Structure formats: structure tokens, C-alpha cells
C-alpha atoms as a PDB file:
ATOM      1  CA  UNK A   1       0.000   0.000   0.000  1.00  0.00           C
ATOM      2  CA  UNK A   2       1.589   3.312  -1.016  1.00  0.00           C
ATOM      3  CA  UNK A   3       1.700   6.085   1.529  1.00  0.00           C
ATOM      4  CA  UNK A   4       0.686   9.709   1.025  1.00  0.00           C
ATOM      5  CA  UNK A   5       3.560  12.166   0.722  1.00  0.00           C
ATOM      6  CA  UNK A   6       3.146  15.331   2.813  1.00  0.00           C
ATOM      7  CA  UNK A   7       5.482  18.264   2.262  1.00  0.00           C
ATOM      8  CA  UNK A   8       5.904  21.291   4.452  1.00  0.00           C
ATOM      9  CA  UNK A   9       7.490  24.705   3.841  1.00  0.00           C
ATOM     10  CA  UNK A  10      10.420  24.082   6.220  1.00  0.00           C
ATOM     11  CA  UNK A  11      11.532  21.074   4.172  1.00  0.00           C
ATOM     12  CA  UNK A  12      11.026  22.886   0.879  1.00  0.00           C
ATOM     13  CA  UNK A  13      13.299  25.703   2.128  1.00  0.00           C
ATOM     14  CA  UNK A  14      16.033  23.201   3.020  1.00  0.00           C
ATOM     15  CA  UNK A  15      15.592  21.560  -0.368  1.00  0.00           C
ATOM     16  CA  UNK A  16      15.992  24.900  -2.171  1.00  0.00           C
ATOM     17  CA  UNK A  17      19.189  25.637  -0.196  1.00  0.00           C
ATOM     18  CA  UNK A  18      20.547  22.214  -1.144  1.00  0.00           C
ATOM     19  CA  UNK A  19      19.667  22.722  -4.813  1.00  0.00           C
ATOM     20  CA  UNK A  20      21.545  26.045  -4.851  1.00  0.00           C
ATOM     21  CA  UNK A  21      24.692  24.091  -3.950  1.00  0.00           C
ATOM     22  CA  UNK A  22      23.949  21.020  -6.092  1.00  0.00           C
ATOM     23  CA  UNK A  23      21.661  22.087  -8.957  1.00  0.00           C
ATOM     24  CA  UNK A  24      22.721  19.208 -11.219  1.00  0.00           C
ATOM     25  CA  UNK A  25      21.262  16.760  -8.685  1.00  0.00           C
ATOM     26  CA  UNK A  26      17.671  17.995  -9.017  1.00  0.00           C
ATOM     27  CA  UNK A  27      16.487  14.977 -11.085  1.00  0.00           C
ATOM     28  CA  UNK A  28      17.947  12.445  -8.639  1.00  0.00           C
ATOM     29  CA  UNK A  29      16.651  14.280  -5.562  1.00  0.00           C
ATOM     30  CA  UNK A  30      13.182  14.624  -7.130  1.00  0.00           C
ATOM     31  CA  UNK A  31      13.155  10.940  -8.069  1.00  0.00           C
ATOM     32  CA  UNK A  32      14.036   9.946  -4.499  1.00  0.00           C
ATOM     33  CA  UNK A  33      11.358  12.183  -2.962  1.00  0.00           C
ATOM     34  CA  UNK A  34       8.739  11.027  -5.475  1.00  0.00           C
ATOM     35  CA  UNK A  35       9.545   7.377  -4.659  1.00  0.00           C
ATOM     36  CA  UNK A  36       9.031   7.806  -0.905  1.00  0.00           C
ATOM     37  CA  UNK A  37       5.313   6.857  -0.844  1.00  0.00           C
ATOM     38  CA  UNK A  38       6.056   3.479  -2.407  1.00  0.00           C
ATOM     39  CA  UNK A  39       9.475   2.906  -0.817  1.00  0.00           C
ATOM     40  CA  UNK A  40       8.590   4.110   2.673  1.00  0.00           C
ATOM     41  CA  UNK A  41      10.655   1.322   4.265  1.00  0.00           C
ATOM     42  CA  UNK A  42      13.862   2.357   2.494  1.00  0.00           C
ATOM     43  CA  UNK A  43      16.788   3.562   4.540  1.00  0.00           C
ATOM     44  CA  UNK A  44      17.538   2.855   8.152  1.00  0.00           C
ATOM     45  CA  UNK A  45      15.492   3.828  11.178  1.00  0.00           C
ATOM     46  CA  UNK A  46      17.278   6.768  12.751  1.00  0.00           C
ATOM     47  CA  UNK A  47      17.673   6.550  16.547  1.00  0.00           C
ATOM     48  CA  UNK A  48      16.747   9.287  18.986  1.00  0.00           C
ATOM     49  CA  UNK A  49      13.082   9.910  18.206  1.00  0.00           C
ATOM     50  CA  UNK A  50      11.336   7.726  20.768  1.00  0.00           C
ATOM     51  CA  UNK A  51       8.292   6.002  19.320  1.00  0.00           C
ATOM     52  CA  UNK A  52       8.396   7.973  16.072  1.00  0.00           C
ATOM     53  CA  UNK A  53       9.805   6.271  12.990  1.00  0.00           C
ATOM     54  CA  UNK A  54      12.329   8.579  11.348  1.00  0.00           C
ATOM     55  CA  UNK A  55      14.278   7.054   8.484  1.00  0.00           C
ATOM     56  CA  UNK A  56      17.557   8.180   6.968  1.00  0.00           C
ATOM     57  CA  UNK A  57      18.184   7.664   3.268  1.00  0.00           C
ATOM     58  CA  UNK A  58      21.488   8.254   1.534  1.00  0.00           C
ATOM     59  CA  UNK A  59      21.705   9.798  -1.915  1.00  0.00           C
ATOM     60  CA  UNK A  60      24.919   9.949  -3.949  1.00  0.00           C
ATOM     61  CA  UNK A  61      25.851  13.112  -5.802  1.00  0.00           C
ATOM     62  CA  UNK A  62      27.320  11.347  -8.834  1.00  0.00           C
ATOM     63  CA  UNK A  63      27.131  14.571 -10.834  1.00  0.00           C
ATOM     64  CA  UNK A  64      29.724  15.965  -8.414  1.00  0.00           C
ATOM     65  CA  UNK A  65      31.799  12.814  -8.061  1.00  0.00           C
ATOM     66  CA  UNK A  66      30.412  11.930  -4.614  1.00  0.00           C
ATOM     67  CA  UNK A  67      29.091   8.510  -3.640  1.00  0.00           C
ATOM     68  CA  UNK A  68      26.546   7.623  -0.970  1.00  0.00           C
ATOM     69  CA  UNK A  69      29.114   7.945   1.834  1.00  0.00           C
ATOM     70  CA  UNK A  70      29.782  11.622   1.062  1.00  0.00           C
ATOM     71  CA  UNK A  71      26.481  12.560  -0.554  1.00  0.00           C
ATOM     72  CA  UNK A  72      23.154  13.807   0.735  1.00  0.00           C
ATOM     73  CA  UNK A  73      21.056  12.574   3.636  1.00  0.00           C
ATOM     74  CA  UNK A  74      17.279  12.713   3.658  1.00  0.00           C
ATOM     75  CA  UNK A  75      15.409  12.259   6.945  1.00  0.00           C
ATOM     76  CA  UNK A  76      11.732  11.332   6.730  1.00  0.00           C
ATOM     77  CA  UNK A  77       9.019  10.778   9.286  1.00  0.00           C
ATOM     78  CA  UNK A  78       7.054   7.624   8.517  1.00  0.00           C
ATOM     79  CA  UNK A  79       3.592   7.456  10.102  1.00  0.00           C
ATOM     80  CA  UNK A  80       2.221   3.991   9.246  1.00  0.00           C
ATOM     81  CA  UNK A  81      -0.934   4.490  11.308  1.00  0.00           C
ATOM     82  CA  UNK A  82      -1.818   7.506   9.142  1.00  0.00           C
ATOM     83  CA  UNK A  83      -0.380   6.090   5.915  1.00  0.00           C
ATOM     84  CA  UNK A  84       1.854   9.126   5.459  1.00  0.00           C
ATOM     85  CA  UNK A  85       5.500   9.904   4.915  1.00  0.00           C
ATOM     86  CA  UNK A  86       6.885  13.378   5.558  1.00  0.00           C
ATOM     87  CA  UNK A  87      10.342  14.552   4.460  1.00  0.00           C
ATOM     88  CA  UNK A  88      11.871  16.415   7.423  1.00  0.00           C
ATOM     89  CA  UNK A  89      15.276  17.549   6.287  1.00  0.00           C
ATOM     90  CA  UNK A  90      17.909  17.156   3.618  1.00  0.00           C
ATOM     91  CA  UNK A  91      21.591  17.868   4.173  1.00  0.00           C
ATOM     92  CA  UNK A  92      25.041  16.930   2.948  1.00  0.00           C
ATOM     93  CA  UNK A  93      27.156  14.500   4.914  1.00  0.00           C
ATOM     94  CA  UNK A  94      29.510  16.511   7.112  1.00  0.00           C
ATOM     95  CA  UNK A  95      27.300  19.612   7.135  1.00  0.00           C
ATOM     96  CA  UNK A  96      26.722  19.089  10.870  1.00  0.00           C
ATOM     97  CA  UNK A  97      29.547  18.731  13.386  1.00  0.00           C
ATOM     98  CA  UNK A  98      28.059  15.570  14.908  1.00  0.00           C
ATOM     99  CA  UNK A  99      25.115  13.191  14.726  1.00  0.00           C
ATOM    100  CA  UNK A 100      23.706  14.734  17.906  1.00  0.00           C
ATOM    101  CA  UNK A 101      23.472  18.078  16.076  1.00  0.00           C
ATOM    102  CA  UNK A 102      21.576  16.378  13.242  1.00  0.00           C
ATOM    103  CA  UNK A 103      19.147  14.858  15.760  1.00  0.00           C
ATOM    104  CA  UNK A 104      18.707  18.230  17.505  1.00  0.00           C
ATOM    105  CA  UNK A 105      17.921  19.994  14.213  1.00  0.00           C
ATOM    106  CA  UNK A 106      15.558  17.212  13.118  1.00  0.00           C
ATOM    107  CA  UNK A 107      13.756  17.418  16.480  1.00  0.00           C
ATOM    108  CA  UNK A 108      13.280  21.177  16.017  1.00  0.00           C
ATOM    109  CA  UNK A 109      11.832  20.616  12.558  1.00  0.00           C
ATOM    110  CA  UNK A 110       9.638  17.806  13.843  1.00  0.00           C
ATOM    111  CA  UNK A 111       8.317  19.989  16.685  1.00  0.00           C
ATOM    112  CA  UNK A 112       7.490  22.766  14.201  1.00  0.00           C
ATOM    113  CA  UNK A 113       5.773  20.272  11.921  1.00  0.00           C
ATOM    114  CA  UNK A 114       3.708  18.800  14.755  1.00  0.00           C
ATOM    115  CA  UNK A 115       2.639  22.257  15.922  1.00  0.00           C
ATOM    116  CA  UNK A 116       1.599  23.058  12.342  1.00  0.00           C
ATOM    117  CA  UNK A 117      -0.534  19.915  12.281  1.00  0.00           C
ATOM    118  CA  UNK A 118      -2.140  20.551  15.681  1.00  0.00           C
ATOM    119  CA  UNK A 119      -5.783  21.616  15.574  1.00  0.00           C
ATOM    120  CA  UNK A 120      -6.324  25.329  16.215  1.00  0.00           C
END
């Protein structure tokens, strides 16, 4: 069963920043994002989010001579009970000083996303 893909402005801003640095990668990034609803179990479950399922996918930047190990990372929230997948953030390997900084940034984005979804 394919999931619904939900996108939010915070992710789209991060995506635009990434595309400014790596414009030749637009087709590959778009293909990965478009495949998320069907391939929602791709990548590894990222630790540090309690009961929430956040997955990390790796994307090579072949156009720039970078493989998966040095390429982009895409973190997505997978909500099986709602049948949705939500891209949270996209960044280049090494952009953050440590994994704990990645988790902290992803938690901020997740908190903003959840407050956006909360009924008013």
C-alpha cells in the first residue's frame, strides 16, 4: 500500500538551499522524494526519536563525483498508522559537526511540523 507524501514549507526551504549548492542533482533528488510513498521502508530507522519512525536515506551526488558515503542525507518521518511519509530535512554528509546536532535539528523541525498539524 503506497503512503501519502506530505510536504511542508520548512523542508522545501532546506531543499531549495541544497539545490543552490547542487543544482545538477535535481532529477535524482526529485526521483528519491517522489519514490518515498512506495518505498517508505527504504533507509535505516534513525535513533533518537522515541516512538516515532524517522528514516535516513542516503543519496549519492554522482554529478559531483560523490558517492553515498559523502552525498546527501534525507530524513523522513514515517507514520504507518496515518499512511503518510513526511520529508523532514535534507543535508550533505559533514554539514553538521556531529550526529547529535543532526538529531537536535531534526527534532526542532519535527516539533514545528507537529505544531503546524495541531488543531487550532
